[in-house]
Amino acid sequence: KKDSYREALSKESAEKRRERTRELTDESVHELKLKKDEV
């Protein structure tokens, strides 16, 4: 497969993920609150 395909499939940057996260609303569907070590 062409090198350009591999380059386009490079792993997503942390900054790109943070930008998407900032777009989220505060609404949740079924919120869960968990304690440390809870499965």
Full PDB file with SEQRES, HELIX, SHEET, SSBOND, CRYST1, ORIGX, SCALE, CONECT and MASTER records, all heavy atoms in Angstrom:
SEQRES   1 A   39  LYS LYS ASP SER TYR ARG GLU ALA LEU SER LYS GLU SER          
SEQRES   2 A   39  ALA GLU LYS ARG ARG GLU ARG THR ARG GLU LEU THR ASP          
SEQRES   3 A   39  GLU SER VAL HIS GLU LEU LYS LEU LYS LYS ASP GLU VAL          
HELIX    1 AA1 ASP A    3  ALA A    8  1                                   6    
HELIX    2 AA2 ALA A   14  THR A   21  1                                   8    
CRYST1    1.000    1.000    1.000  90.00  90.00  90.00 P 1           1          
ORIGX1      1.000000  0.000000  0.000000        0.00000                         
ORIGX2      0.000000  1.000000  0.000000        0.00000                         
ORIGX3      0.000000  0.000000  1.000000        0.00000                         
SCALE1      1.000000  0.000000  0.000000        0.00000                         
SCALE2      0.000000  1.000000  0.000000        0.00000                         
SCALE3      0.000000  0.000000  1.000000        0.00000                         
ATOM      1  N   LYS A   1       0.837  -1.185   0.000  1.00  0.00           N  
ATOM      2  CA  LYS A   1       0.000   0.000   0.000  1.00  0.00           C  
ATOM      3  C   LYS A   1       0.880   1.245   0.000  1.00  0.00           C  
ATOM      4  O   LYS A   1       1.948   1.267   0.603  1.00  0.00           O  
ATOM      5  CB  LYS A   1      -0.919   0.021   1.232  1.00  0.00           C  
ATOM      6  CG  LYS A   1      -1.966  -1.079   1.242  1.00  0.00           C  
ATOM      7  CD  LYS A   1      -3.004  -0.864   0.167  1.00  0.00           C  
ATOM      8  CE  LYS A   1      -4.090  -1.934   0.233  1.00  0.00           C  
ATOM      9  NZ  LYS A   1      -5.089  -1.785  -0.829  1.00  0.00           N  
ATOM     10  N   LYS A   2       0.426   2.268  -0.663  1.00  0.00           N  
ATOM     11  CA  LYS A   2       1.234   3.468  -0.830  1.00  0.00           C  
ATOM     12  C   LYS A   2       1.606   4.101   0.504  1.00  0.00           C  
ATOM     13  O   LYS A   2       0.866   4.070   1.463  1.00  0.00           O  
ATOM     14  CB  LYS A   2       0.482   4.483  -1.694  1.00  0.00           C  
ATOM     15  CG  LYS A   2       0.245   4.003  -3.124  1.00  0.00           C  
ATOM     16  CD  LYS A   2      -0.503   5.049  -3.938  1.00  0.00           C  
ATOM     17  CE  LYS A   2      -0.747   4.547  -5.354  1.00  0.00           C  
ATOM     18  NZ  LYS A   2      -1.498   5.523  -6.165  1.00  0.00           N  
ATOM     19  N   ASP A   3       2.804   4.729   0.516  1.00  0.00           N  
ATOM     20  CA  ASP A   3       3.266   5.386   1.735  1.00  0.00           C  
ATOM     21  C   ASP A   3       2.305   6.475   2.188  1.00  0.00           C  
ATOM     22  O   ASP A   3       2.142   6.714   3.381  1.00  0.00           O  
ATOM     23  CB  ASP A   3       4.654   5.991   1.512  1.00  0.00           C  
ATOM     24  CG  ASP A   3       5.719   4.919   1.373  1.00  0.00           C  
ATOM     25  OD1 ASP A   3       5.475   3.787   1.834  1.00  0.00           O  
ATOM     26  OD2 ASP A   3       6.781   5.223   0.820  1.00  0.00           O  
ATOM     27  N   SER A   4       1.657   7.129   1.261  1.00  0.00           N  
ATOM     28  CA  SER A   4       0.727   8.203   1.624  1.00  0.00           C  
ATOM     29  C   SER A   4      -0.427   7.660   2.449  1.00  0.00           C  
ATOM     30  O   SER A   4      -0.964   8.349   3.321  1.00  0.00           O  
ATOM     31  CB  SER A   4       0.179   8.885   0.363  1.00  0.00           C  
ATOM     32  OG  SER A   4      -0.491   7.948  -0.460  1.00  0.00           O  
ATOM     33  N   TYR A   5      -0.813   6.394   2.190  1.00  0.00           N  
ATOM     34  CA  TYR A   5      -1.882   5.782   2.964  1.00  0.00           C  
ATOM     35  C   TYR A   5      -1.427   5.570   4.398  1.00  0.00           C  
ATOM     36  O   TYR A   5      -2.134   5.866   5.346  1.00  0.00           O  
ATOM     37  CB  TYR A   5      -2.274   4.463   2.309  1.00  0.00           C  
ATOM     38  CG  TYR A   5      -3.493   3.800   2.907  1.00  0.00           C  
ATOM     39  CD1 TYR A   5      -4.690   4.480   3.011  1.00  0.00           C  
ATOM     40  CD2 TYR A   5      -3.432   2.489   3.355  1.00  0.00           C  
ATOM     41  CE1 TYR A   5      -5.809   3.869   3.554  1.00  0.00           C  
ATOM     42  CE2 TYR A   5      -4.539   1.872   3.891  1.00  0.00           C  
ATOM     43  CZ  TYR A   5      -5.724   2.562   3.985  1.00  0.00           C  
ATOM     44  OH  TYR A   5      -6.820   1.951   4.535  1.00  0.00           O  
ATOM     45  N   ARG A   6      -0.206   5.070   4.565  1.00  0.00           N  
ATOM     46  CA  ARG A   6       0.305   4.864   5.918  1.00  0.00           C  
ATOM     47  C   ARG A   6       0.410   6.190   6.666  1.00  0.00           C  
ATOM     48  O   ARG A   6       0.112   6.286   7.845  1.00  0.00           O  
ATOM     49  CB  ARG A   6       1.688   4.195   5.871  1.00  0.00           C  
ATOM     50  CG  ARG A   6       1.642   2.707   5.596  1.00  0.00           C  
ATOM     51  CD  ARG A   6       2.937   2.054   6.048  1.00  0.00           C  
ATOM     52  NE  ARG A   6       2.996   0.678   5.614  1.00  0.00           N  
ATOM     53  CZ  ARG A   6       3.545   0.283   4.482  1.00  0.00           C  
ATOM     54  NH1 ARG A   6       4.066   1.166   3.671  1.00  0.00           N  
ATOM     55  NH2 ARG A   6       3.566  -0.985   4.156  1.00  0.00           N  
ATOM     56  N   GLU A   7       0.874   7.211   5.968  1.00  0.00           N  
ATOM     57  CA  GLU A   7       1.013   8.510   6.625  1.00  0.00           C  
ATOM     58  C   GLU A   7      -0.344   9.041   7.069  1.00  0.00           C  
ATOM     59  O   GLU A   7      -0.487   9.612   8.147  1.00  0.00           O  
ATOM     60  CB  GLU A   7       1.681   9.502   5.676  1.00  0.00           C  
ATOM     61  CG  GLU A   7       3.150   9.179   5.425  1.00  0.00           C  
ATOM     62  CD  GLU A   7       3.751  10.042   4.340  1.00  0.00           C  
ATOM     63  OE1 GLU A   7       3.025  10.940   3.845  1.00  0.00           O  
ATOM     64  OE2 GLU A   7       4.913   9.830   3.984  1.00  0.00           O  
ATOM     65  N   ALA A   8      -1.340   8.841   6.244  1.00  0.00           N  
ATOM     66  CA  ALA A   8      -2.683   9.312   6.596  1.00  0.00           C  
ATOM     67  C   ALA A   8      -3.255   8.537   7.768  1.00  0.00           C  
ATOM     68  O   ALA A   8      -4.130   9.022   8.467  1.00  0.00           O  
ATOM     69  CB  ALA A   8      -3.611   9.178   5.394  1.00  0.00           C  
ATOM     70  N   LEU A   9      -2.750   7.321   7.992  1.00  0.00           N  
ATOM     71  CA  LEU A   9      -3.227   6.489   9.088  1.00  0.00           C  
ATOM     72  C   LEU A   9      -2.379   6.634  10.346  1.00  0.00           C  
ATOM     73  O   LEU A   9      -2.488   5.830  11.261  1.00  0.00           O  
ATOM     74  CB  LEU A   9      -3.228   5.018   8.658  1.00  0.00           C  
ATOM     75  CG  LEU A   9      -4.184   4.672   7.530  1.00  0.00           C  
ATOM     76  CD1 LEU A   9      -3.937   3.246   7.064  1.00  0.00           C  
ATOM     77  CD2 LEU A   9      -5.603   4.845   7.964  1.00  0.00           C  
ATOM     78  N   SER A  10      -1.488   7.646  10.377  1.00  0.00           N  
ATOM     79  CA  SER A  10      -0.628   7.837  11.538  1.00  0.00           C  
ATOM     80  C   SER A  10      -1.481   8.098  12.771  1.00  0.00           C  
ATOM     81  O   SER A  10      -2.588   8.618  12.686  1.00  0.00           O  
ATOM     82  CB  SER A  10       0.335   8.999  11.311  1.00  0.00           C  
ATOM     83  OG  SER A  10      -0.388  10.187  11.098  1.00  0.00           O  
ATOM     84  N   LYS A  11      -0.960   7.740  13.915  1.00  0.00           N  
ATOM     85  CA  LYS A  11      -1.735   7.828  15.155  1.00  0.00           C  
ATOM     86  C   LYS A  11      -2.142   9.269  15.451  1.00  0.00           C  
ATOM     87  O   LYS A  11      -1.411  10.212  15.208  1.00  0.00           O  
ATOM     88  CB  LYS A  11      -0.923   7.260  16.319  1.00  0.00           C  
ATOM     89  CG  LYS A  11      -0.721   5.755  16.232  1.00  0.00           C  
ATOM     90  CD  LYS A  11      -0.002   5.258  17.466  1.00  0.00           C  
ATOM     91  CE  LYS A  11       0.071   3.738  17.493  1.00  0.00           C  
ATOM     92  NZ  LYS A  11       0.989   3.198  16.541  1.00  0.00           N  
ATOM     93  N   GLU A  12      -3.315   9.409  16.022  1.00  0.00           N  
ATOM     94  CA  GLU A  12      -3.880  10.705  16.341  1.00  0.00           C  
ATOM     95  C   GLU A  12      -3.066  11.386  17.435  1.00  0.00           C  
ATOM     96  O   GLU A  12      -2.656  10.761  18.397  1.00  0.00           O  
ATOM     97  CB  GLU A  12      -5.320  10.508  16.823  1.00  0.00           C  
ATOM     98  CG  GLU A  12      -6.034  11.774  17.189  1.00  0.00           C  
ATOM     99  CD  GLU A  12      -7.451  11.471  17.640  1.00  0.00           C  
ATOM    100  OE1 GLU A  12      -7.639  10.481  18.359  1.00  0.00           O  
ATOM    101  OE2 GLU A  12      -8.351  12.221  17.259  1.00  0.00           O  
ATOM    102  N   SER A  13      -2.810  12.679  17.289  1.00  0.00           N  
ATOM    103  CA  SER A  13      -2.040  13.411  18.275  1.00  0.00           C  
ATOM    104  C   SER A  13      -2.883  13.687  19.512  1.00  0.00           C  
ATOM    105  O   SER A  13      -4.104  13.773  19.461  1.00  0.00           O  
ATOM    106  CB  SER A  13      -1.560  14.743  17.699  1.00  0.00           C  
ATOM    107  OG  SER A  13      -2.664  15.613  17.487  1.00  0.00           O  
ATOM    108  N   ALA A  14      -2.212  13.844  20.661  1.00  0.00           N  
ATOM    109  CA  ALA A  14      -2.915  14.146  21.907  1.00  0.00           C  
ATOM    110  C   ALA A  14      -3.623  15.484  21.808  1.00  0.00           C  
ATOM    111  O   ALA A  14      -4.724  15.661  22.341  1.00  0.00           O  
ATOM    112  CB  ALA A  14      -1.928  14.151  23.072  1.00  0.00           C  
ATOM    113  N   GLU A  15      -3.017  16.443  21.121  1.00  0.00           N  
ATOM    114  CA  GLU A  15      -3.634  17.758  20.983  1.00  0.00           C  
ATOM    115  C   GLU A  15      -4.938  17.667  20.207  1.00  0.00           C  
ATOM    116  O   GLU A  15      -5.932  18.312  20.563  1.00  0.00           O  
ATOM    117  CB  GLU A  15      -2.680  18.720  20.289  1.00  0.00           C  
ATOM    118  CG  GLU A  15      -3.254  20.113  20.044  1.00  0.00           C  
ATOM    119  CD  GLU A  15      -3.707  20.797  21.329  1.00  0.00           C  
ATOM    120  OE1 GLU A  15      -3.100  20.535  22.388  1.00  0.00           O  
ATOM    121  OE2 GLU A  15      -4.669  21.584  21.258  1.00  0.00           O  
ATOM    122  N   LYS A  16      -4.952  16.831  19.153  1.00  0.00           N  
ATOM    123  CA  LYS A  16      -6.176  16.681  18.368  1.00  0.00           C  
ATOM    124  C   LYS A  16      -7.284  16.090  19.226  1.00  0.00           C  
ATOM    125  O   LYS A  16      -8.443  16.503  19.151  1.00  0.00           O  
ATOM    126  CB  LYS A  16      -5.903  15.785  17.159  1.00  0.00           C  
ATOM    127  CG  LYS A  16      -7.063  15.727  16.158  1.00  0.00           C  
ATOM    128  CD  LYS A  16      -6.636  14.964  14.928  1.00  0.00           C  
ATOM    129  CE  LYS A  16      -7.747  14.951  13.889  1.00  0.00           C  
ATOM    130  NZ  LYS A  16      -7.366  14.184  12.679  1.00  0.00           N  
ATOM    131  N   ARG A  17      -6.949  15.127  20.087  1.00  0.00           N  
ATOM    132  CA  ARG A  17      -7.948  14.521  20.961  1.00  0.00           C  
ATOM    133  C   ARG A  17      -8.464  15.544  21.972  1.00  0.00           C  
ATOM    134  O   ARG A  17      -9.648  15.606  22.273  1.00  0.00           O  
ATOM    135  CB  ARG A  17      -7.368  13.308  21.685  1.00  0.00           C  
ATOM    136  CG  ARG A  17      -8.380  12.591  22.558  1.00  0.00           C  
ATOM    137  CD  ARG A  17      -7.835  11.287  23.095  1.00  0.00           C  
ATOM    138  NE  ARG A  17      -6.709  11.498  23.964  1.00  0.00           N  
ATOM    139  CZ  ARG A  17      -6.821  11.814  25.259  1.00  0.00           C  
ATOM    140  NH1 ARG A  17      -8.017  11.963  25.790  1.00  0.00           N  
ATOM    141  NH2 ARG A  17      -5.765  11.982  25.997  1.00  0.00           N  
ATOM    142  N   ARG A  18      -7.562  16.385  22.502  1.00  0.00           N  
ATOM    143  CA  ARG A  18      -7.989  17.394  23.467  1.00  0.00           C  
ATOM    144  C   ARG A  18      -8.940  18.402  22.829  1.00  0.00           C  
ATOM    145  O   ARG A  18      -9.908  18.848  23.438  1.00  0.00           O  
ATOM    146  CB  ARG A  18      -6.766  18.121  24.039  1.00  0.00           C  
ATOM    147  CG  ARG A  18      -6.010  17.315  25.091  1.00  0.00           C  
ATOM    148  CD  ARG A  18      -5.054  18.188  25.863  1.00  0.00           C  
ATOM    149  NE  ARG A  18      -3.985  18.701  25.019  1.00  0.00           N  
ATOM    150  CZ  ARG A  18      -2.833  18.076  24.816  1.00  0.00           C  
ATOM    151  NH1 ARG A  18      -2.606  16.918  25.409  1.00  0.00           N  
ATOM    152  NH2 ARG A  18      -1.906  18.597  24.054  1.00  0.00           N  
ATOM    153  N   GLU A  19      -8.665  18.751  21.567  1.00  0.00           N  
ATOM    154  CA  GLU A  19      -9.548  19.687  20.880  1.00  0.00           C  
ATOM    155  C   GLU A  19     -10.950  19.108  20.759  1.00  0.00           C  
ATOM    156  O   GLU A  19     -11.945  19.802  20.954  1.00  0.00           O  
ATOM    157  CB  GLU A  19      -9.001  20.001  19.488  1.00  0.00           C  
ATOM    158  CG  GLU A  19      -7.754  20.892  19.516  1.00  0.00           C  
ATOM    159  CD  GLU A  19      -7.195  21.111  18.139  1.00  0.00           C  
ATOM    160  OE1 GLU A  19      -7.766  20.563  17.167  1.00  0.00           O  
ATOM    161  OE2 GLU A  19      -6.179  21.810  18.019  1.00  0.00           O  
ATOM    162  N   ARG A  20     -11.040  17.813  20.450  1.00  0.00           N  
ATOM    163  CA  ARG A  20     -12.342  17.182  20.339  1.00  0.00           C  
ATOM    164  C   ARG A  20     -13.034  17.122  21.689  1.00  0.00           C  
ATOM    165  O   ARG A  20     -14.235  17.328  21.793  1.00  0.00           O  
ATOM    166  CB  ARG A  20     -12.191  15.772  19.777  1.00  0.00           C  
ATOM    167  CG  ARG A  20     -11.827  15.781  18.314  1.00  0.00           C  
ATOM    168  CD  ARG A  20     -11.663  14.376  17.836  1.00  0.00           C  
ATOM    169  NE  ARG A  20     -11.347  14.386  16.425  1.00  0.00           N  
ATOM    170  CZ  ARG A  20     -10.814  13.365  15.796  1.00  0.00           C  
ATOM    171  NH1 ARG A  20     -10.536  12.270  16.438  1.00  0.00           N  
ATOM    172  NH2 ARG A  20     -10.565  13.426  14.498  1.00  0.00           N  
ATOM    173  N   THR A  21     -12.272  16.809  22.737  1.00  0.00           N  
ATOM    174  CA  THR A  21     -12.860  16.704  24.061  1.00  0.00           C  
ATOM    175  C   THR A  21     -13.484  18.024  24.488  1.00  0.00           C  
ATOM    176  O   THR A  21     -14.524  18.051  25.134  1.00  0.00           O  
ATOM    177  CB  THR A  21     -11.784  16.268  25.079  1.00  0.00           C  
ATOM    178  OG1 THR A  21     -11.208  15.038  24.657  1.00  0.00           O  
ATOM    179  CG2 THR A  21     -12.385  16.089  26.465  1.00  0.00           C  
ATOM    180  N   ARG A  22     -12.885  19.143  24.114  1.00  0.00           N  
ATOM    181  CA  ARG A  22     -13.411  20.447  24.499  1.00  0.00           C  
ATOM    182  C   ARG A  22     -14.757  20.733  23.852  1.00  0.00           C  
ATOM    183  O   ARG A  22     -15.485  21.631  24.267  1.00  0.00           O  
ATOM    184  CB  ARG A  22     -12.404  21.543  24.145  1.00  0.00           C  
ATOM    185  CG  ARG A  22     -11.192  21.567  25.068  1.00  0.00           C  
ATOM    186  CD  ARG A  22     -10.438  22.867  24.919  1.00  0.00           C  
ATOM    187  NE  ARG A  22      -9.775  22.960  23.640  1.00  0.00           N  
ATOM    188  CZ  ARG A  22      -8.515  22.577  23.435  1.00  0.00           C  
ATOM    189  NH1 ARG A  22      -7.813  22.065  24.425  1.00  0.00           N  
ATOM    190  NH2 ARG A  22      -7.951  22.715  22.251  1.00  0.00           N  
ATOM    191  N   GLU A  23     -15.087  19.978  22.796  1.00  0.00           N  
ATOM    192  CA  GLU A  23     -16.354  20.199  22.116  1.00  0.00           C  
ATOM    193  C   GLU A  23     -17.531  19.528  22.824  1.00  0.00           C  
ATOM    194  O   GLU A  23     -18.679  19.773  22.520  1.00  0.00           O  
ATOM    195  CB  GLU A  23     -16.282  19.649  20.682  1.00  0.00           C  
ATOM    196  CG  GLU A  23     -15.265  20.378  19.815  1.00  0.00           C  
ATOM    197  CD  GLU A  23     -15.122  19.718  18.467  1.00  0.00           C  
ATOM    198  OE1 GLU A  23     -15.774  18.675  18.256  1.00  0.00           O  
ATOM    199  OE2 GLU A  23     -14.374  20.222  17.630  1.00  0.00           O  
ATOM    200  N   LEU A  24     -17.253  18.648  23.799  1.00  0.00           N  
ATOM    201  CA  LEU A  24     -18.314  17.894  24.453  1.00  0.00           C  
ATOM    202  C   LEU A  24     -19.207  18.777  25.322  1.00  0.00           C  
ATOM    203  O   LEU A  24     -18.770  19.776  25.880  1.00  0.00           O  
ATOM    204  CB  LEU A  24     -17.717  16.791  25.345  1.00  0.00           C  
ATOM    205  CG  LEU A  24     -17.145  15.581  24.616  1.00  0.00           C  
ATOM    206  CD1 LEU A  24     -16.477  14.675  25.614  1.00  0.00           C  
ATOM    207  CD2 LEU A  24     -18.239  14.841  23.883  1.00  0.00           C  
ATOM    208  N   THR A  25     -20.451  18.391  25.455  1.00  0.00           N  
ATOM    209  CA  THR A  25     -21.351  19.048  26.390  1.00  0.00           C  
ATOM    210  C   THR A  25     -21.196  18.382  27.754  1.00  0.00           C  
ATOM    211  O   THR A  25     -20.522  17.359  27.896  1.00  0.00           O  
ATOM    212  CB  THR A  25     -22.813  18.909  25.935  1.00  0.00           C  
ATOM    213  OG1 THR A  25     -23.199  17.541  26.070  1.00  0.00           O  
ATOM    214  CG2 THR A  25     -22.979  19.342  24.490  1.00  0.00           C  
ATOM    215  N   ASP A  26     -21.843  18.948  28.769  1.00  0.00           N  
ATOM    216  CA  ASP A  26     -21.769  18.380  30.107  1.00  0.00           C  
ATOM    217  C   ASP A  26     -22.853  17.342  30.365  1.00  0.00           C  
ATOM    218  O   ASP A  26     -22.938  16.790  31.454  1.00  0.00           O  
ATOM    219  CB  ASP A  26     -21.895  19.507  31.159  1.00  0.00           C  
ATOM    220  CG  ASP A  26     -20.687  20.432  31.137  1.00  0.00           C  
ATOM    221  OD1 ASP A  26     -19.590  19.945  30.830  1.00  0.00           O  
ATOM    222  OD2 ASP A  26     -20.861  21.629  31.426  1.00  0.00           O  
ATOM    223  N   GLU A  27     -23.709  17.094  29.377  1.00  0.00           N  
ATOM    224  CA  GLU A  27     -24.790  16.152  29.574  1.00  0.00           C  
ATOM    225  C   GLU A  27     -24.279  14.717  29.522  1.00  0.00           C  
ATOM    226  O   GLU A  27     -23.415  14.389  28.727  1.00  0.00           O  
ATOM    227  CB  GLU A  27     -25.862  16.352  28.503  1.00  0.00           C  
ATOM    228  CG  GLU A  27     -26.513  17.725  28.544  1.00  0.00           C  
ATOM    229  CD  GLU A  27     -27.588  17.869  27.478  1.00  0.00           C  
ATOM    230  OE1 GLU A  27     -28.207  16.848  27.150  1.00  0.00           O  
ATOM    231  OE2 GLU A  27     -27.797  18.980  26.992  1.00  0.00           O  
ATOM    232  N   SER A  28     -24.804  13.859  30.390  1.00  0.00           N  
ATOM    233  CA  SER A  28     -24.428  12.452  30.386  1.00  0.00           C  
ATOM    234  C   SER A  28     -25.679  11.601  30.270  1.00  0.00           C  
ATOM    235  O   SER A  28     -26.789  12.054  30.533  1.00  0.00           O  
ATOM    236  CB  SER A  28     -23.658  12.091  31.670  1.00  0.00           C  
ATOM    237  OG  SER A  28     -24.459  12.319  32.805  1.00  0.00           O  
ATOM    238  N   VAL A  29     -25.498  10.348  29.880  1.00  0.00           N  
ATOM    239  CA  VAL A  29     -26.618   9.431  29.705  1.00  0.00           C  
ATOM    240  C   VAL A  29     -26.863   8.652  30.997  1.00  0.00           C  
ATOM    241  O   VAL A  29     -27.921   8.735  31.614  1.00  0.00           O  
ATOM    242  CB  VAL A  29     -26.351   8.478  28.522  1.00  0.00           C  
ATOM    243  CG1 VAL A  29     -27.524   7.525  28.331  1.00  0.00           C  
ATOM    244  CG2 VAL A  29     -26.116   9.278  27.241  1.00  0.00           C  
ATOM    245  N   HIS A  30     -25.881   7.861  31.408  1.00  0.00           N  
ATOM    246  CA  HIS A  30     -25.982   7.090  32.653  1.00  0.00           C  
ATOM    247  C   HIS A  30     -24.661   7.279  33.395  1.00  0.00           C  
ATOM    248  O   HIS A  30     -23.708   6.527  33.183  1.00  0.00           O  
ATOM    249  CB  HIS A  30     -26.213   5.602  32.366  1.00  0.00           C  
ATOM    250  CG  HIS A  30     -27.373   5.313  31.477  1.00  0.00           C  
ATOM    251  ND1 HIS A  30     -28.678   5.492  31.876  1.00  0.00           N  
ATOM    252  CD2 HIS A  30     -27.428   4.865  30.198  1.00  0.00           C  
ATOM    253  CE1 HIS A  30     -29.491   5.164  30.884  1.00  0.00           C  
ATOM    254  NE2 HIS A  30     -28.760   4.784  29.855  1.00  0.00           N  
ATOM    255  N   GLU A  31     -24.601   8.270  34.246  1.00  0.00           N  
ATOM    256  CA  GLU A  31     -23.337   8.572  34.917  1.00  0.00           C  
ATOM    257  C   GLU A  31     -23.061   7.576  36.037  1.00  0.00           C  
ATOM    258  O   GLU A  31     -23.946   7.228  36.828  1.00  0.00           O  
ATOM    259  CB  GLU A  31     -23.351   9.994  35.475  1.00  0.00           C  
ATOM    260  CG  GLU A  31     -22.001  10.387  36.073  1.00  0.00           C  
ATOM    261  CD  GLU A  31     -21.927  11.847  36.479  1.00  0.00           C  
ATOM    262  OE1 GLU A  31     -22.515  12.689  35.769  1.00  0.00           O  
ATOM    263  OE2 GLU A  31     -21.286  12.137  37.503  1.00  0.00           O  
ATOM    264  N   LEU A  32     -21.797   7.123  36.091  1.00  0.00           N  
ATOM    265  CA  LEU A  32     -21.351   6.204  37.138  1.00  0.00           C  
ATOM    266  C   LEU A  32     -20.253   6.881  37.950  1.00  0.00           C  
ATOM    267  O   LEU A  32     -19.358   7.513  37.388  1.00  0.00           O  
ATOM    268  CB  LEU A  32     -20.795   4.918  36.520  1.00  0.00           C  
ATOM    269  CG  LEU A  32     -21.701   4.138  35.569  1.00  0.00           C  
ATOM    270  CD1 LEU A  32     -20.951   2.927  35.020  1.00  0.00           C  
ATOM    271  CD2 LEU A  32     -22.966   3.680  36.279  1.00  0.00           C  
ATOM    272  N   LYS A  33     -20.314   6.741  39.270  1.00  0.00           N  
ATOM    273  CA  LYS A  33     -19.273   7.252  40.149  1.00  0.00           C  
ATOM    274  C   LYS A  33     -18.603   6.068  40.822  1.00  0.00           C  
ATOM    275  O   LYS A  33     -19.259   5.266  41.495  1.00  0.00           O  
ATOM    276  CB  LYS A  33     -19.878   8.206  41.184  1.00  0.00           C  
ATOM    277  CG  LYS A  33     -20.483   9.464  40.564  1.00  0.00           C  
ATOM    278  CD  LYS A  33     -21.051  10.393  41.632  1.00  0.00           C  
ATOM    279  CE  LYS A  33     -21.633  11.648  40.983  1.00  0.00           C  
ATOM    280  NZ  LYS A  33     -22.216  12.584  41.992  1.00  0.00           N  
ATOM    281  N   LEU A  34     -17.320   5.954  40.617  1.00  0.00           N  
ATOM    282  CA  LEU A  34     -16.590   4.769  41.056  1.00  0.00           C  
ATOM    283  C   LEU A  34     -15.493   5.116  42.059  1.00  0.00           C  
ATOM    284  O   LEU A  34     -14.908   6.207  42.018  1.00  0.00           O  
ATOM    285  CB  LEU A  34     -15.955   4.069  39.848  1.00  0.00           C  
ATOM    286  CG  LEU A  34     -16.915   3.719  38.702  1.00  0.00           C  
ATOM    287  CD1 LEU A  34     -16.131   3.302  37.478  1.00  0.00           C  
ATOM    288  CD2 LEU A  34     -17.856   2.610  39.126  1.00  0.00           C  
ATOM    289  N   LYS A  35     -15.202   4.156  42.913  1.00  0.00           N  
ATOM    290  CA  LYS A  35     -14.099   4.291  43.858  1.00  0.00           C  
ATOM    291  C   LYS A  35     -12.859   3.612  43.281  1.00  0.00           C  
ATOM    292  O   LYS A  35     -12.944   2.797  42.365  1.00  0.00           O  
ATOM    293  CB  LYS A  35     -14.471   3.659  45.200  1.00  0.00           C  
ATOM    294  CG  LYS A  35     -15.641   4.337  45.895  1.00  0.00           C  
ATOM    295  CD  LYS A  35     -15.957   3.648  47.212  1.00  0.00           C  
ATOM    296  CE  LYS A  35     -17.124   4.344  47.897  1.00  0.00           C  
ATOM    297  NZ  LYS A  35     -17.473   3.692  49.196  1.00  0.00           N  
ATOM    298  N   LYS A  36     -11.714   3.942  43.830  1.00  0.00           N  
ATOM    299  CA  LYS A  36     -10.467   3.346  43.371  1.00  0.00           C  
ATOM    300  C   LYS A  36     -10.516   1.823  43.491  1.00  0.00           C  
ATOM    301  O   LYS A  36     -11.020   1.277  44.476  1.00  0.00           O  
ATOM    302  CB  LYS A  36      -9.298   3.890  44.196  1.00  0.00           C  
ATOM    303  CG  LYS A  36      -7.941   3.412  43.707  1.00  0.00           C  
ATOM    304  CD  LYS A  36      -6.816   4.036  44.516  1.00  0.00           C  
ATOM    305  CE  LYS A  36      -5.471   3.532  44.014  1.00  0.00           C  
ATOM    306  NZ  LYS A  36      -4.347   4.118  44.786  1.00  0.00           N  
ATOM    307  N   ASP A  37     -10.030   1.148  42.463  1.00  0.00           N  
ATOM    308  CA  ASP A  37      -9.958  -0.317  42.370  1.00  0.00           C  
ATOM    309  C   ASP A  37     -11.320  -0.974  42.126  1.00  0.00           C  
ATOM    310  O   ASP A  37     -11.418  -2.207  42.115  1.00  0.00           O  
ATOM    311  CB  ASP A  37      -9.318  -0.940  43.616  1.00  0.00           C  
ATOM    312  CG  ASP A  37      -7.873  -0.506  43.795  1.00  0.00           C  
ATOM    313  OD1 ASP A  37      -7.194  -0.286  42.764  1.00  0.00           O  
ATOM    314  OD2 ASP A  37      -7.435  -0.373  44.944  1.00  0.00           O  
ATOM    315  N   GLU A  38     -12.361  -0.183  41.900  1.00  0.00           N  
ATOM    316  CA  GLU A  38     -13.661  -0.767  41.586  1.00  0.00           C  
ATOM    317  C   GLU A  38     -13.670  -1.281  40.151  1.00  0.00           C  
ATOM    318  O   GLU A  38     -13.246  -0.576  39.225  1.00  0.00           O  
ATOM    319  CB  GLU A  38     -14.768   0.267  41.786  1.00  0.00           C  
ATOM    320  CG  GLU A  38     -16.175  -0.324  41.682  1.00  0.00           C  
ATOM    321  CD  GLU A  38     -17.247   0.660  42.111  1.00  0.00           C  
ATOM    322  OE1 GLU A  38     -16.923   1.690  42.728  1.00  0.00           O  
ATOM    323  OE2 GLU A  38     -18.433   0.386  41.800  1.00  0.00           O  
ATOM    324  N   VAL A  39     -14.140  -2.513  39.941  1.00  0.00           N  
ATOM    325  CA  VAL A  39     -14.164  -3.130  38.613  1.00  0.00           C  
ATOM    326  C   VAL A  39     -15.387  -2.646  37.840  1.00  0.00           C  
ATOM    327  O   VAL A  39     -16.517  -2.701  38.346  1.00  0.00           O  
ATOM    328  CB  VAL A  39     -14.174  -4.668  38.719  1.00  0.00           C  
ATOM    329  CG1 VAL A  39     -14.352  -5.297  37.338  1.00  0.00           C  
ATOM    330  CG2 VAL A  39     -12.886  -5.161  39.363  1.00  0.00           C  
TER     331      VAL A  39                                                      
MASTER        0    0    0    2    0    0    0    6  330    1    0    3          
END                                                                             
